[in-house]
C-alpha atoms as a PDB file:
ATOM      1  CA  UNK A   1      66.582  89.676 -56.558  1.00  0.00           C
ATOM      2  CA  UNK A   2      62.997  91.480 -55.078  1.00  0.00           C
ATOM      3  CA  UNK A   3      63.202  89.386 -51.489  1.00  0.00           C
ATOM      4  CA  UNK A   4      66.437  91.080 -51.008  1.00  0.00           C
ATOM      5  CA  UNK A   5      65.464  94.548 -50.882  1.00  0.00           C
ATOM      6  CA  UNK A   6      61.855  93.537 -49.563  1.00  0.00           C
ATOM      7  CA  UNK A   7      63.718  91.737 -47.030  1.00  0.00           C
ATOM      8  CA  UNK A   8      65.727  94.974 -46.610  1.00  0.00           C
ATOM      9  CA  UNK A   9      62.700  97.283 -46.515  1.00  0.00           C
ATOM     10  CA  UNK A  10      60.821  94.688 -44.276  1.00  0.00           C
ATOM     11  CA  UNK A  11      63.999  95.490 -42.069  1.00  0.00           C
ATOM     12  CA  UNK A  12      63.364  98.520 -41.493  1.00  0.00           C
ATOM     13  CA  UNK A  13      60.071  98.635 -40.998  1.00  0.00           C
ATOM     14  CA  UNK A  14      61.119  95.838 -38.202  1.00  0.00           C
ATOM     15  CA  UNK A  15      63.540  98.375 -36.330  1.00  0.00           C
ATOM     16  CA  UNK A  16      61.074 101.658 -36.397  1.00  0.00           C
ATOM     17  CA  UNK A  17      58.557  99.453 -34.643  1.00  0.00           C
ATOM     18  CA  UNK A  18      60.515  97.999 -32.569  1.00  0.00           C
ATOM     19  CA  UNK A  19      62.030 101.632 -31.383  1.00  0.00           C
ATOM     20  CA  UNK A  20      58.156 102.863 -31.416  1.00  0.00           C
ATOM     21  CA  UNK A  21      57.433 100.286 -29.069  1.00  0.00           C
ATOM     22  CA  UNK A  22      60.375 100.965 -26.519  1.00  0.00           C
ATOM     23  CA  UNK A  23      59.589 104.631 -26.544  1.00  0.00           C
ATOM     24  CA  UNK A  24      55.840 104.024 -26.088  1.00  0.00           C
ATOM     25  CA  UNK A  25      57.405 101.867 -22.777  1.00  0.00           C
ATOM     26  CA  UNK A  26      59.619 104.345 -21.307  1.00  0.00           C
ATOM     27  CA  UNK A  27      57.050 106.623 -21.513  1.00  0.00           C
ATOM     28  CA  UNK A  28      54.007 104.440 -19.605  1.00  0.00           C
ATOM     29  CA  UNK A  29      56.997 104.158 -17.330  1.00  0.00           C
ATOM     30  CA  UNK A  30      57.311 107.279 -16.413  1.00  0.00           C
ATOM     31  CA  UNK A  31      54.066 108.052 -16.634  1.00  0.00           C
ATOM     32  CA  UNK A  32      53.663 105.594 -14.117  1.00  0.00           C
ATOM     33  CA  UNK A  33      56.068 106.375 -12.136  1.00  0.00           C
ATOM     34  CA  UNK A  34      54.265 110.513 -12.057  1.00  0.00           C
ATOM     35  CA  UNK A  35      50.483 108.849 -11.699  1.00  0.00           C
ATOM     36  CA  UNK A  36      51.646 107.057  -8.306  1.00  0.00           C
ATOM     37  CA  UNK A  37      53.557 110.011  -6.958  1.00  0.00           C
ATOM     38  CA  UNK A  38      50.295 112.143  -7.538  1.00  0.00           C
ATOM     39  CA  UNK A  39      48.495 109.328  -5.578  1.00  0.00           C
ATOM     40  CA  UNK A  40      50.767 109.335  -2.932  1.00  0.00           C
ATOM     41  CA  UNK A  41      50.487 110.505   0.743  1.00  0.00           C
ATOM     42  CA  UNK A  42      51.664 114.147   0.632  1.00  0.00           C
ATOM     43  CA  UNK A  43      50.743 114.895   4.093  1.00  0.00           C
ATOM     44  CA  UNK A  44      53.412 114.452   7.339  1.00  0.00           C
ATOM     45  CA  UNK A  45      52.631 111.342   9.387  1.00  0.00           C
ATOM     46  CA  UNK A  46      52.295 113.489  12.511  1.00  0.00           C
ATOM     47  CA  UNK A  47      49.649 116.048  10.819  1.00  0.00           C
ATOM     48  CA  UNK A  48      47.985 112.545   9.936  1.00  0.00           C
ATOM     49  CA  UNK A  49      48.038 111.012  13.302  1.00  0.00           C
ATOM     50  CA  UNK A  50      46.604 114.617  14.680  1.00  0.00           C
ATOM     51  CA  UNK A  51      44.024 114.453  11.972  1.00  0.00           C
ATOM     52  CA  UNK A  52      43.828 110.846  12.867  1.00  0.00           C
ATOM     53  CA  UNK A  53      42.802 112.063  16.246  1.00  0.00           C
ATOM     54  CA  UNK A  54      40.415 114.984  16.279  1.00  0.00           C
ATOM     55  CA  UNK A  55      38.160 112.403  13.851  1.00  0.00           C
ATOM     56  CA  UNK A  56      38.171 110.052  17.049  1.00  0.00           C
ATOM     57  CA  UNK A  57      37.193 112.818  19.870  1.00  0.00           C
ATOM     58  CA  UNK A  58      34.600 114.114  17.282  1.00  0.00           C
ATOM     59  CA  UNK A  59      33.184 110.528  16.601  1.00  0.00           C
ATOM     60  CA  UNK A  60      33.467 110.802  12.886  1.00  0.00           C
ATOM     61  CA  UNK A  61      34.203 107.399  11.787  1.00  0.00           C
ATOM     62  CA  UNK A  62      34.136 107.941   8.620  1.00  0.00           C
ATOM     63  CA  UNK A  63      37.824 109.672   8.388  1.00  0.00           C
ATOM     64  CA  UNK A  64      40.544 107.592   7.215  1.00  0.00           C
ATOM     65  CA  UNK A  65      43.519 108.966   6.828  1.00  0.00           C
ATOM     66  CA  UNK A  66      45.338 105.737   6.721  1.00  0.00           C
ATOM     67  CA  UNK A  67      43.371 105.396   3.495  1.00  0.00           C
ATOM     68  CA  UNK A  68      43.016 108.263   2.001  1.00  0.00           C
ATOM     69  CA  UNK A  69      44.894 111.866   2.000  1.00  0.00           C
ATOM     70  CA  UNK A  70      42.591 114.246   3.768  1.00  0.00           C
ATOM     71  CA  UNK A  71      43.891 116.638   1.161  1.00  0.00           C
ATOM     72  CA  UNK A  72      43.327 114.929  -2.498  1.00  0.00           C
ATOM     73  CA  UNK A  73      39.225 114.910  -1.061  1.00  0.00           C
ATOM     74  CA  UNK A  74      36.532 117.245  -0.178  1.00  0.00           C
ATOM     75  CA  UNK A  75      34.498 114.227   1.381  1.00  0.00           C
ATOM     76  CA  UNK A  76      36.414 115.154   5.278  1.00  0.00           C
ATOM     77  CA  UNK A  77      35.609 118.725   5.097  1.00  0.00           C
ATOM     78  CA  UNK A  78      40.150 119.464   5.500  1.00  0.00           C
ATOM     79  CA  UNK A  79      41.597 122.330   3.404  1.00  0.00           C
ATOM     80  CA  UNK A  80      45.433 121.613   2.627  1.00  0.00           C
ATOM     81  CA  UNK A  81      47.861 124.420   1.347  1.00  0.00           C
ATOM     82  CA  UNK A  82      50.154 121.795  -1.260  1.00  0.00           C
ATOM     83  CA  UNK A  83      53.124 124.888  -2.185  1.00  0.00           C
ATOM     84  CA  UNK A  84      55.726 123.206   0.142  1.00  0.00           C
ATOM     85  CA  UNK A  85      58.478 121.640  -1.173  1.00  0.00           C
ATOM     86  CA  UNK A  86      58.317 122.221  -4.687  1.00  0.00           C
ATOM     87  CA  UNK A  87      54.158 120.182  -3.890  1.00  0.00           C
ATOM     88  CA  UNK A  88      55.191 117.213  -3.134  1.00  0.00           C
ATOM     89  CA  UNK A  89      54.539 118.245   1.111  1.00  0.00           C
ATOM     90  CA  UNK A  90      51.150 119.799   1.636  1.00  0.00           C
ATOM     91  CA  UNK A  91      49.636 120.994   5.232  1.00  0.00           C
ATOM     92  CA  UNK A  92      46.636 121.244   6.683  1.00  0.00           C
ATOM     93  CA  UNK A  93      45.455 124.885   6.979  1.00  0.00           C
ATOM     94  CA  UNK A  94      42.027 124.731   8.147  1.00  0.00           C
ATOM     95  CA  UNK A  95      38.637 122.112   9.043  1.00  0.00           C
END
């Protein structure tokens, strides 16, 4: 008889743990989506191409805009405004 009561309690415990695991995985997936969005390039391709041409003209070989978003780093001396389309698109405003 004690085993049946303990079994019921055990089922509740495992159900709760399974629910917590489910919530954790869902939040992890959502968080990963936001993290991926934050890391994606927000500068339009036309502006990336223009910056690449400017870098070639200035012989700035350390500016590689294909690999990194110039709006997310201070190493390129490029300034951007990212207030377009709900902060998902940036535009170069200065160099």
